[in-house]
């Protein structure tokens, strides 16, 4: 039995053939880890962009099922950057702000911060949102490859056309900024 936990070691079982399981390594997210630790907020942002289903958004609100990653570090007008922008196949925007447990802002400021981002973005036109996306970090977190726009991202797996997505996205973002849609 592992000394790290009372439950023993955690296994990842790919299938039930012999040798198909691997012991998982425990990762420490301690409050006292240095800011430049391997598992920081930038790592969390990249994880969400690579695997958006890691967020249980469909358990909170079914309308946000199957989110599509758009960009990281979306610049906003009043300063600051939104950590992750996702969109649903219907054009609903999901604003993601990443905070690690060790970050003291995690409990207090994140709620106000995300409300400010939603307030700012709700006043944007589709064109202004597209322009901000073009200045954001790409899906891989590097600035070498431009992020795809909303239409290109959603069109890859949807029947929406750009004419219907733009007004839908603008209207929904205004209503959903308070989570009432």
N, C-alpha and C. Protein backbone atom coordinates (compact mmCIF):
# COMPACT_ATOMS: atom_id res chain seq x y z
N UNK A 1 0.84 -1.17 0.00
CA UNK A 1 0.00 0.00 0.00
C UNK A 1 0.89 1.25 0.00
N UNK A 2 0.51 2.23 -0.79
CA UNK A 2 1.28 3.45 -0.90
C UNK A 2 1.20 4.26 0.39
N UNK A 3 2.27 4.94 0.71
CA UNK A 3 2.27 5.78 1.90
C UNK A 3 1.69 7.15 1.60
N UNK A 4 1.48 7.48 0.33
CA UNK A 4 0.95 8.79 -0.04
C UNK A 4 -0.54 8.93 0.24
N UNK A 5 -1.24 7.85 0.29
CA UNK A 5 -2.69 7.91 0.45
C UNK A 5 -3.19 6.68 1.20
N UNK A 6 -4.31 6.83 1.84
CA UNK A 6 -4.89 5.69 2.56
C UNK A 6 -5.56 4.70 1.62
N UNK A 7 -5.69 5.05 0.35
CA UNK A 7 -6.40 4.20 -0.60
C UNK A 7 -5.49 3.33 -1.45
N UNK A 8 -4.21 3.36 -1.21
CA UNK A 8 -3.30 2.56 -2.04
C UNK A 8 -2.89 3.33 -3.28
N UNK A 9 -2.36 2.61 -4.26
CA UNK A 9 -1.91 3.29 -5.47
C UNK A 9 -3.06 3.38 -6.47
N UNK A 10 -3.02 4.43 -7.27
CA UNK A 10 -4.03 4.65 -8.30
C UNK A 10 -3.51 4.08 -9.61
N UNK A 11 -4.34 3.32 -10.29
CA UNK A 11 -3.96 2.72 -11.56
C UNK A 11 -4.77 3.31 -12.70
N UNK A 12 -4.12 3.45 -13.83
CA UNK A 12 -4.81 3.78 -15.07
C UNK A 12 -4.95 2.48 -15.83
N UNK A 13 -6.18 2.06 -16.08
CA UNK A 13 -6.43 0.79 -16.77
C UNK A 13 -6.95 1.09 -18.15
N UNK A 14 -6.13 0.82 -19.15
CA UNK A 14 -6.49 1.09 -20.53
C UNK A 14 -7.47 0.04 -21.05
N UNK A 15 -7.20 -1.20 -20.77
CA UNK A 15 -8.12 -2.30 -21.06
C UNK A 15 -7.80 -3.42 -20.08
N UNK A 16 -8.46 -4.52 -20.18
CA UNK A 16 -8.31 -5.57 -19.17
C UNK A 16 -7.33 -6.67 -19.56
N UNK A 17 -6.43 -6.38 -20.48
CA UNK A 17 -5.40 -7.36 -20.81
C UNK A 17 -4.26 -7.25 -19.81
N UNK A 18 -3.50 -8.30 -19.70
CA UNK A 18 -2.38 -8.32 -18.76
C UNK A 18 -1.36 -7.26 -19.17
N UNK A 19 -0.92 -6.48 -18.22
CA UNK A 19 0.08 -5.46 -18.47
C UNK A 19 -0.46 -4.16 -19.04
N UNK A 20 -1.77 -4.02 -19.18
CA UNK A 20 -2.35 -2.82 -19.78
C UNK A 20 -2.58 -1.71 -18.75
N UNK A 21 -2.26 -1.96 -17.49
CA UNK A 21 -2.45 -0.92 -16.48
C UNK A 21 -1.11 -0.28 -16.12
N UNK A 22 -1.18 0.98 -15.71
CA UNK A 22 0.02 1.71 -15.28
C UNK A 22 -0.28 2.38 -13.95
N UNK A 23 0.71 2.37 -13.07
CA UNK A 23 0.55 3.07 -11.81
C UNK A 23 0.70 4.56 -12.09
N UNK A 24 -0.25 5.34 -11.58
CA UNK A 24 -0.22 6.78 -11.80
C UNK A 24 0.63 7.46 -10.73
N UNK A 25 1.35 8.47 -11.14
CA UNK A 25 2.20 9.23 -10.23
C UNK A 25 1.39 10.36 -9.62
N UNK A 26 1.48 10.51 -8.32
CA UNK A 26 0.78 11.58 -7.62
C UNK A 26 1.49 12.91 -7.88
N UNK A 27 0.73 13.93 -8.23
CA UNK A 27 1.27 15.26 -8.48
C UNK A 27 0.88 16.15 -7.32
N UNK A 28 1.83 16.84 -6.78
CA UNK A 28 1.57 17.71 -5.64
C UNK A 28 1.24 19.12 -6.13
N UNK A 29 0.12 19.64 -5.68
CA UNK A 29 -0.28 21.02 -5.95
C UNK A 29 -0.26 21.80 -4.65
N UNK A 30 0.80 21.68 -3.90
CA UNK A 30 0.84 22.30 -2.58
C UNK A 30 0.76 23.81 -2.66
N UNK A 31 0.25 24.42 -1.61
CA UNK A 31 0.13 25.88 -1.54
C UNK A 31 1.49 26.55 -1.53
N UNK A 32 2.50 25.84 -1.07
CA UNK A 32 3.82 26.43 -0.90
C UNK A 32 4.73 26.24 -2.11
N UNK A 33 4.23 25.69 -3.19
CA UNK A 33 5.06 25.48 -4.38
C UNK A 33 5.46 26.84 -4.95
N UNK A 34 6.66 26.94 -5.49
CA UNK A 34 7.10 28.23 -6.06
C UNK A 34 6.26 28.59 -7.29
N UNK A 35 6.19 29.85 -7.59
CA UNK A 35 5.37 30.34 -8.70
C UNK A 35 5.79 29.72 -10.03
N UNK A 36 7.06 29.43 -10.23
CA UNK A 36 7.54 28.86 -11.48
C UNK A 36 7.47 27.35 -11.52
N UNK A 37 6.69 26.74 -10.64
CA UNK A 37 6.60 25.28 -10.59
C UNK A 37 6.03 24.74 -11.91
N UNK A 38 6.31 23.47 -12.19
CA UNK A 38 5.88 22.86 -13.46
C UNK A 38 4.37 22.92 -13.63
N UNK A 39 3.63 22.80 -12.57
CA UNK A 39 2.17 22.79 -12.65
C UNK A 39 1.64 24.13 -12.16
N UNK A 40 1.70 25.12 -13.04
CA UNK A 40 1.24 26.45 -12.70
C UNK A 40 -0.04 26.76 -13.48
N UNK A 41 -0.49 28.01 -13.41
CA UNK A 41 -1.72 28.38 -14.09
C UNK A 41 -1.60 28.25 -15.61
N UNK A 42 -0.43 28.53 -16.16
CA UNK A 42 -0.23 28.37 -17.61
C UNK A 42 -0.38 26.91 -18.01
N UNK A 43 0.12 26.00 -17.18
CA UNK A 43 -0.04 24.56 -17.44
C UNK A 43 -1.52 24.20 -17.42
N UNK A 44 -2.25 24.75 -16.45
CA UNK A 44 -3.69 24.48 -16.35
C UNK A 44 -4.43 25.03 -17.57
N UNK A 45 -4.05 26.21 -18.03
CA UNK A 45 -4.67 26.78 -19.23
C UNK A 45 -4.44 25.87 -20.44
N UNK A 46 -3.21 25.39 -20.61
CA UNK A 46 -2.91 24.51 -21.75
C UNK A 46 -3.67 23.18 -21.63
N UNK A 47 -3.78 22.67 -20.42
CA UNK A 47 -4.54 21.43 -20.20
C UNK A 47 -5.99 21.61 -20.64
N UNK A 48 -6.59 22.71 -20.26
CA UNK A 48 -7.99 22.98 -20.63
C UNK A 48 -8.13 23.13 -22.14
N UNK A 49 -7.16 23.78 -22.78
CA UNK A 49 -7.22 23.93 -24.24
C UNK A 49 -7.06 22.59 -24.95
N UNK A 50 -6.22 21.73 -24.41
CA UNK A 50 -6.00 20.41 -25.02
C UNK A 50 -7.13 19.44 -24.74
N UNK A 51 -7.72 19.56 -23.56
CA UNK A 51 -8.76 18.63 -23.11
C UNK A 51 -9.90 19.41 -22.45
N UNK A 52 -10.70 20.14 -23.22
CA UNK A 52 -11.74 20.98 -22.60
C UNK A 52 -12.78 20.18 -21.81
N UNK A 53 -12.90 18.90 -22.09
CA UNK A 53 -13.88 18.09 -21.36
C UNK A 53 -13.42 17.77 -19.94
N UNK A 54 -12.20 18.20 -19.58
CA UNK A 54 -11.75 18.04 -18.20
C UNK A 54 -12.61 18.91 -17.27
N UNK A 55 -13.22 19.95 -17.83
CA UNK A 55 -14.14 20.79 -17.07
C UNK A 55 -15.53 20.15 -17.10
N UNK A 56 -16.14 19.93 -15.96
CA UNK A 56 -17.45 19.27 -15.95
C UNK A 56 -18.61 20.23 -16.26
N UNK A 57 -18.45 21.05 -17.29
CA UNK A 57 -19.44 22.07 -17.58
C UNK A 57 -20.81 21.49 -17.91
N UNK A 58 -20.85 20.33 -18.54
CA UNK A 58 -22.15 19.74 -18.88
C UNK A 58 -22.90 19.28 -17.64
N UNK A 59 -22.19 19.07 -16.53
CA UNK A 59 -22.86 18.71 -15.28
C UNK A 59 -23.41 19.95 -14.58
N UNK A 60 -22.85 21.10 -14.90
CA UNK A 60 -23.33 22.36 -14.33
C UNK A 60 -24.46 22.93 -15.19
N UNK A 61 -24.25 22.94 -16.49
CA UNK A 61 -25.24 23.47 -17.43
C UNK A 61 -25.09 22.72 -18.75
N UNK A 62 -26.12 21.97 -19.12
CA UNK A 62 -26.08 21.13 -20.32
C UNK A 62 -25.86 21.95 -21.59
N UNK A 63 -26.21 23.21 -21.58
CA UNK A 63 -26.02 24.06 -22.77
C UNK A 63 -24.54 24.23 -23.11
N UNK A 64 -23.66 23.99 -22.16
CA UNK A 64 -22.23 24.16 -22.40
C UNK A 64 -21.52 22.84 -22.71
N UNK A 65 -22.29 21.85 -23.11
CA UNK A 65 -21.74 20.54 -23.45
C UNK A 65 -20.85 20.66 -24.70
N UNK A 66 -19.80 19.84 -24.73
CA UNK A 66 -18.88 19.77 -25.87
C UNK A 66 -18.23 21.12 -26.21
N UNK A 67 -17.58 21.77 -25.25
CA UNK A 67 -16.96 23.06 -25.54
C UNK A 67 -15.79 22.92 -26.51
N UNK A 68 -15.63 23.93 -27.34
CA UNK A 68 -14.58 23.98 -28.36
C UNK A 68 -13.58 25.05 -27.93
N UNK A 69 -12.29 24.69 -27.78
CA UNK A 69 -11.31 25.69 -27.37
C UNK A 69 -11.05 26.71 -28.48
N UNK A 70 -11.00 27.98 -28.11
CA UNK A 70 -10.77 29.05 -29.07
C UNK A 70 -9.39 29.67 -28.88
N UNK A 71 -9.10 30.18 -27.67
CA UNK A 71 -7.80 30.82 -27.44
C UNK A 71 -7.52 30.93 -25.95
N UNK A 72 -6.27 31.29 -25.65
CA UNK A 72 -5.83 31.57 -24.29
C UNK A 72 -5.38 33.02 -24.23
N UNK A 73 -5.46 33.59 -23.02
CA UNK A 73 -4.99 34.95 -22.79
C UNK A 73 -5.65 35.94 -23.74
N UNK A 74 -6.99 35.92 -23.76
CA UNK A 74 -7.75 36.85 -24.59
C UNK A 74 -7.63 38.24 -23.99
N UNK A 75 -7.07 39.20 -24.75
CA UNK A 75 -6.94 40.56 -24.19
C UNK A 75 -8.31 41.23 -24.08
N UNK A 76 -8.52 41.94 -22.97
CA UNK A 76 -9.78 42.67 -22.83
C UNK A 76 -9.48 44.16 -22.75
N UNK A 77 -10.49 44.96 -22.94
CA UNK A 77 -10.27 46.40 -23.07
C UNK A 77 -9.82 47.06 -21.77
N UNK A 78 -10.32 46.67 -20.63
CA UNK A 78 -9.99 47.35 -19.39
C UNK A 78 -8.77 46.74 -18.70
N UNK A 79 -7.90 46.11 -19.46
CA UNK A 79 -6.69 45.51 -18.90
C UNK A 79 -6.93 44.09 -18.47
N UNK A 80 -5.88 43.34 -18.41
CA UNK A 80 -6.00 41.94 -18.01
C UNK A 80 -6.31 41.04 -19.19
N UNK A 81 -6.24 39.77 -18.91
CA UNK A 81 -6.44 38.76 -19.94
C UNK A 81 -7.36 37.67 -19.40
N UNK A 82 -8.27 37.21 -20.22
CA UNK A 82 -9.11 36.07 -19.89
C UNK A 82 -8.28 34.82 -20.17
N UNK A 83 -8.20 33.90 -19.21
CA UNK A 83 -7.32 32.74 -19.35
C UNK A 83 -7.69 31.84 -20.53
N UNK A 84 -8.95 31.42 -20.61
CA UNK A 84 -9.38 30.54 -21.70
C UNK A 84 -10.73 30.99 -22.22
N UNK A 85 -10.87 30.97 -23.53
CA UNK A 85 -12.16 31.21 -24.16
C UNK A 85 -12.56 29.94 -24.89
N UNK A 86 -13.73 29.43 -24.55
CA UNK A 86 -14.30 28.26 -25.22
C UNK A 86 -15.64 28.68 -25.80
N UNK A 87 -16.11 27.94 -26.79
CA UNK A 87 -17.42 28.19 -27.37
C UNK A 87 -18.11 26.85 -27.58
N UNK A 88 -19.43 26.84 -27.44
CA UNK A 88 -20.17 25.61 -27.68
C UNK A 88 -20.53 25.52 -29.15
N UNK A 89 -20.94 24.36 -29.62
CA UNK A 89 -21.36 24.24 -31.02
C UNK A 89 -22.53 25.17 -31.37
N UNK A 90 -23.30 25.62 -30.38
CA UNK A 90 -24.42 26.55 -30.62
C UNK A 90 -23.98 28.00 -30.61
N UNK A 91 -22.73 28.27 -30.23
CA UNK A 91 -22.25 29.65 -30.22
C UNK A 91 -22.24 30.29 -28.84
N UNK A 92 -22.51 29.53 -27.79
CA UNK A 92 -22.45 30.08 -26.43
C UNK A 92 -20.99 30.21 -26.01
N UNK A 93 -20.64 31.34 -25.42
CA UNK A 93 -19.28 31.56 -24.97
C UNK A 93 -19.10 31.04 -23.55
N UNK A 94 -17.96 30.43 -23.29
CA UNK A 94 -17.60 30.00 -21.94
C UNK A 94 -16.29 30.69 -21.58
N UNK A 95 -16.34 31.51 -20.54
CA UNK A 95 -15.17 32.25 -20.08
C UNK A 95 -14.55 31.49 -18.92
N UNK A 96 -13.28 31.15 -19.04
CA UNK A 96 -12.61 30.32 -18.04
C UNK A 96 -11.47 31.13 -17.41
N UNK A 97 -11.48 31.25 -16.11
CA UNK A 97 -10.40 31.88 -15.36
C UNK A 97 -9.76 30.81 -14.49
N UNK A 98 -8.48 30.59 -14.65
CA UNK A 98 -7.77 29.52 -13.94
C UNK A 98 -7.09 30.07 -12.69
N UNK A 99 -7.31 29.40 -11.59
CA UNK A 99 -6.63 29.72 -10.34
C UNK A 99 -6.23 28.41 -9.68
N UNK A 100 -4.99 28.35 -9.23
CA UNK A 100 -4.54 27.19 -8.48
C UNK A 100 -4.91 27.36 -7.02
N UNK A 101 -5.00 26.28 -6.33
CA UNK A 101 -5.34 26.29 -4.91
C UNK A 101 -4.38 27.16 -4.12
N UNK A 102 -3.11 27.12 -4.49
CA UNK A 102 -2.11 27.86 -3.72
C UNK A 102 -2.20 29.36 -3.97
N UNK A 103 -2.99 29.78 -4.95
CA UNK A 103 -3.15 31.20 -5.24
C UNK A 103 -4.19 31.79 -4.30
N UNK A 104 -3.84 32.78 -3.48
CA UNK A 104 -4.81 33.32 -2.53
C UNK A 104 -5.99 34.02 -3.20
N UNK A 105 -5.85 34.40 -4.49
CA UNK A 105 -6.97 35.01 -5.21
C UNK A 105 -8.05 33.99 -5.55
N UNK A 106 -7.74 32.73 -5.41
CA UNK A 106 -8.64 31.67 -5.87
C UNK A 106 -10.03 31.78 -5.26
N UNK A 107 -10.12 32.21 -4.06
CA UNK A 107 -11.43 32.23 -3.39
C UNK A 107 -12.17 33.54 -3.53
N UNK A 108 -11.47 34.65 -3.47
CA UNK A 108 -12.14 35.95 -3.40
C UNK A 108 -12.27 36.65 -4.74
N UNK A 109 -11.14 36.87 -5.38
CA UNK A 109 -11.13 37.75 -6.54
C UNK A 109 -11.62 37.10 -7.82
N UNK A 110 -11.58 35.77 -7.90
CA UNK A 110 -11.90 35.12 -9.17
C UNK A 110 -13.36 35.36 -9.57
N UNK A 111 -14.27 35.41 -8.62
CA UNK A 111 -15.68 35.64 -8.95
C UNK A 111 -15.86 37.04 -9.53
N UNK A 112 -15.29 38.04 -8.87
CA UNK A 112 -15.38 39.40 -9.39
C UNK A 112 -14.67 39.55 -10.72
N UNK A 113 -13.55 38.86 -10.86
CA UNK A 113 -12.77 38.92 -12.08
C UNK A 113 -13.57 38.37 -13.27
N UNK A 114 -14.21 37.23 -13.09
CA UNK A 114 -14.95 36.63 -14.20
C UNK A 114 -16.21 37.45 -14.53
N UNK A 115 -16.81 38.07 -13.52
CA UNK A 115 -17.96 38.96 -13.79
C UNK A 115 -17.51 40.16 -14.59
N UNK A 116 -16.35 40.73 -14.26
CA UNK A 116 -15.81 41.86 -15.03
C UNK A 116 -15.55 41.46 -16.48
N UNK A 117 -14.95 40.28 -16.68
CA UNK A 117 -14.69 39.81 -18.05
C UNK A 117 -16.00 39.65 -18.81
N UNK A 118 -16.99 39.04 -18.18
CA UNK A 118 -18.28 38.83 -18.85
C UNK A 118 -18.93 40.17 -19.18
N UNK A 119 -18.86 41.13 -18.26
CA UNK A 119 -19.43 42.46 -18.49
C UNK A 119 -18.76 43.11 -19.69
N UNK A 120 -17.42 43.06 -19.74
CA UNK A 120 -16.70 43.66 -20.86
C UNK A 120 -17.03 42.97 -22.17
N UNK A 121 -16.98 41.65 -22.20
CA UNK A 121 -17.22 40.91 -23.43
C UNK A 121 -18.66 41.04 -23.92
N UNK A 122 -19.60 41.23 -23.01
CA UNK A 122 -21.00 41.35 -23.43
C UNK A 122 -21.25 42.61 -24.23
N UNK A 123 -20.40 43.61 -24.08
CA UNK A 123 -20.55 44.86 -24.83
C UNK A 123 -19.84 44.81 -26.18
N UNK A 124 -19.05 43.76 -26.43
CA UNK A 124 -18.31 43.66 -27.68
C UNK A 124 -19.20 43.21 -28.82
N UNK A 125 -18.86 43.67 -30.01
CA UNK A 125 -19.49 43.14 -31.21
C UNK A 125 -18.76 41.85 -31.58
N UNK A 126 -19.35 41.11 -32.49
CA UNK A 126 -18.70 39.88 -32.99
C UNK A 126 -17.35 40.22 -33.62
N UNK A 127 -17.29 41.31 -34.35
CA UNK A 127 -16.06 41.71 -35.02
C UNK A 127 -14.97 42.05 -34.00
N UNK A 128 -15.35 42.75 -32.93
CA UNK A 128 -14.37 43.09 -31.90
C UNK A 128 -13.87 41.84 -31.19
N UNK A 129 -14.75 40.88 -30.96
CA UNK A 129 -14.35 39.62 -30.35
C UNK A 129 -13.37 38.87 -31.27
N UNK A 130 -13.67 38.84 -32.56
CA UNK A 130 -12.78 38.20 -33.53
C UNK A 130 -11.40 38.86 -33.53
N UNK A 131 -11.39 40.18 -33.45
CA UNK A 131 -10.12 40.92 -33.46
C UNK A 131 -9.31 40.58 -32.20
N UNK A 132 -9.97 40.50 -31.05
CA UNK A 132 -9.27 40.15 -29.80
C UNK A 132 -8.75 38.72 -29.87
N UNK A 133 -9.52 37.82 -30.45
CA UNK A 133 -9.08 36.42 -30.61
C UNK A 133 -7.82 36.37 -31.47
N UNK A 134 -7.76 37.20 -32.50
CA UNK A 134 -6.58 37.20 -33.39
C UNK A 134 -5.33 37.67 -32.66
N UNK A 135 -5.47 38.42 -31.57
CA UNK A 135 -4.32 38.89 -30.79
C UNK A 135 -3.99 37.96 -29.62
N UNK A 136 -4.82 36.96 -29.36
CA UNK A 136 -4.62 36.06 -28.23
C UNK A 136 -3.61 34.97 -28.55
N UNK A 137 -3.25 34.20 -27.52
CA UNK A 137 -2.35 33.07 -27.71
C UNK A 137 -3.10 31.94 -28.42
N UNK A 138 -2.37 31.19 -29.19
CA UNK A 138 -2.96 30.08 -29.93
C UNK A 138 -3.28 28.91 -29.01
N UNK A 139 -3.86 27.88 -29.57
CA UNK A 139 -4.27 26.71 -28.80
C UNK A 139 -3.11 26.03 -28.10
N UNK A 140 -1.93 26.06 -28.70
CA UNK A 140 -0.80 25.39 -28.08
C UNK A 140 -0.04 26.30 -27.11
N UNK A 141 -0.52 27.52 -26.91
CA UNK A 141 0.11 28.42 -25.96
C UNK A 141 1.27 29.21 -26.53
N UNK A 142 1.57 29.00 -27.79
CA UNK A 142 2.66 29.72 -28.43
C UNK A 142 2.08 30.77 -29.36
N UNK A 143 2.81 31.79 -29.61
CA UNK A 143 2.31 32.85 -30.48
C UNK A 143 2.65 32.61 -31.95
N UNK A 144 3.28 31.49 -32.28
CA UNK A 144 3.68 31.20 -33.65
C UNK A 144 2.50 30.90 -34.56
N UNK A 145 1.48 30.24 -34.05
CA UNK A 145 0.33 29.86 -34.86
C UNK A 145 -0.87 30.68 -34.40
N UNK A 146 -1.51 31.36 -35.34
CA UNK A 146 -2.67 32.18 -34.98
C UNK A 146 -3.82 31.31 -34.51
N UNK A 147 -4.56 31.76 -33.49
CA UNK A 147 -5.75 31.01 -33.08
C UNK A 147 -6.82 31.08 -34.17
N UNK A 148 -7.61 30.03 -34.26
CA UNK A 148 -8.72 30.04 -35.20
C UNK A 148 -9.80 30.96 -34.66
N UNK A 149 -10.59 31.51 -35.55
CA UNK A 149 -11.69 32.35 -35.14
C UNK A 149 -12.87 31.52 -34.67
N UNK A 150 -13.90 32.20 -34.18
CA UNK A 150 -15.09 31.50 -33.70
C UNK A 150 -15.74 30.67 -34.80
N UNK A 151 -15.95 31.29 -35.95
CA UNK A 151 -16.63 30.57 -37.01
C UNK A 151 -15.85 29.34 -37.45
N UNK A 152 -14.55 29.49 -37.67
CA UNK A 152 -13.73 28.36 -38.12
C UNK A 152 -13.76 27.22 -37.11
N UNK A 153 -13.71 27.57 -35.82
CA UNK A 153 -13.69 26.56 -34.77
C UNK A 153 -15.02 25.82 -34.67
N UNK A 154 -16.10 26.57 -34.70
CA UNK A 154 -17.42 25.96 -34.57
C UNK A 154 -17.80 25.22 -35.85
N UNK A 155 -17.46 25.78 -37.01
CA UNK A 155 -17.82 25.16 -38.28
C UNK A 155 -17.18 23.80 -38.47
N UNK A 156 -16.07 23.58 -37.80
CA UNK A 156 -15.39 22.28 -37.92
C UNK A 156 -16.28 21.13 -37.45
N UNK A 157 -17.24 21.42 -36.56
CA UNK A 157 -18.10 20.35 -36.08
C UNK A 157 -19.54 20.77 -35.92
N UNK A 158 -20.01 21.70 -36.77
CA UNK A 158 -21.37 22.21 -36.59
C UNK A 158 -21.98 22.62 -37.93
N UNK A 159 -23.28 22.86 -37.90
CA UNK A 159 -23.99 23.30 -39.09
C UNK A 159 -24.17 24.82 -39.12
N UNK A 160 -23.68 25.55 -38.12
CA UNK A 160 -23.82 27.00 -38.09
C UNK A 160 -23.10 27.63 -39.27
N UNK A 161 -23.66 28.71 -39.78
CA UNK A 161 -22.91 29.51 -40.74
C UNK A 161 -22.54 30.82 -40.07
N UNK A 162 -21.61 31.54 -40.65
CA UNK A 162 -21.08 32.73 -39.99
C UNK A 162 -22.17 33.78 -39.78
N UNK A 163 -23.12 33.90 -40.70
CA UNK A 163 -24.18 34.90 -40.54
C UNK A 163 -25.03 34.60 -39.32
N UNK A 164 -25.29 33.32 -39.03
CA UNK A 164 -26.13 33.00 -37.87
C UNK A 164 -25.33 32.98 -36.57
N UNK A 165 -24.04 32.68 -36.63
CA UNK A 165 -23.23 32.59 -35.42
C UNK A 165 -22.98 33.96 -34.81
N UNK A 166 -22.69 34.98 -35.62
CA UNK A 166 -22.35 36.29 -35.08
C UNK A 166 -23.46 36.88 -34.22
N UNK A 167 -24.70 37.00 -34.71
CA UNK A 167 -25.73 37.56 -33.84
C UNK A 167 -26.06 36.66 -32.65
N UNK A 168 -26.00 35.35 -32.85
CA UNK A 168 -26.29 34.43 -31.76
C UNK A 168 -25.27 34.58 -30.66
N UNK A 169 -24.00 34.64 -31.01
CA UNK A 169 -22.94 34.77 -30.01
C UNK A 169 -23.08 36.07 -29.25
N UNK A 170 -23.34 37.18 -29.95
CA UNK A 170 -23.47 38.47 -29.28
C UNK A 170 -24.66 38.48 -28.33
N UNK A 171 -25.81 38.02 -28.79
CA UNK A 171 -27.02 38.02 -27.96
C UNK A 171 -26.85 37.12 -26.75
N UNK A 172 -26.33 35.92 -26.94
CA UNK A 172 -26.19 34.98 -25.83
C UNK A 172 -25.19 35.47 -24.81
N UNK A 173 -24.09 36.11 -25.26
CA UNK A 173 -23.08 36.53 -24.28
C UNK A 173 -23.65 37.58 -23.35
N UNK A 174 -24.54 38.44 -23.83
CA UNK A 174 -25.14 39.43 -22.96
C UNK A 174 -26.03 38.80 -21.90
N UNK A 175 -26.80 37.82 -22.29
CA UNK A 175 -27.71 37.17 -21.36
C UNK A 175 -26.97 36.26 -20.38
N UNK A 176 -25.96 35.56 -20.88
CA UNK A 176 -25.29 34.56 -20.04
C UNK A 176 -24.24 35.14 -19.12
N UNK A 177 -23.97 36.43 -19.22
CA UNK A 177 -22.95 36.98 -18.33
C UNK A 177 -23.34 36.82 -16.88
N UNK A 178 -24.61 36.72 -16.60
CA UNK A 178 -25.06 36.51 -15.23
C UNK A 178 -25.52 35.08 -15.01
N UNK A 179 -25.34 34.24 -16.02
CA UNK A 179 -25.70 32.83 -15.88
C UNK A 179 -27.20 32.61 -15.84
N UNK A 180 -27.97 33.44 -16.53
CA UNK A 180 -29.42 33.30 -16.46
C UNK A 180 -30.02 32.68 -17.72
N UNK A 181 -29.17 32.28 -18.66
CA UNK A 181 -29.72 31.69 -19.89
C UNK A 181 -29.71 30.18 -19.79
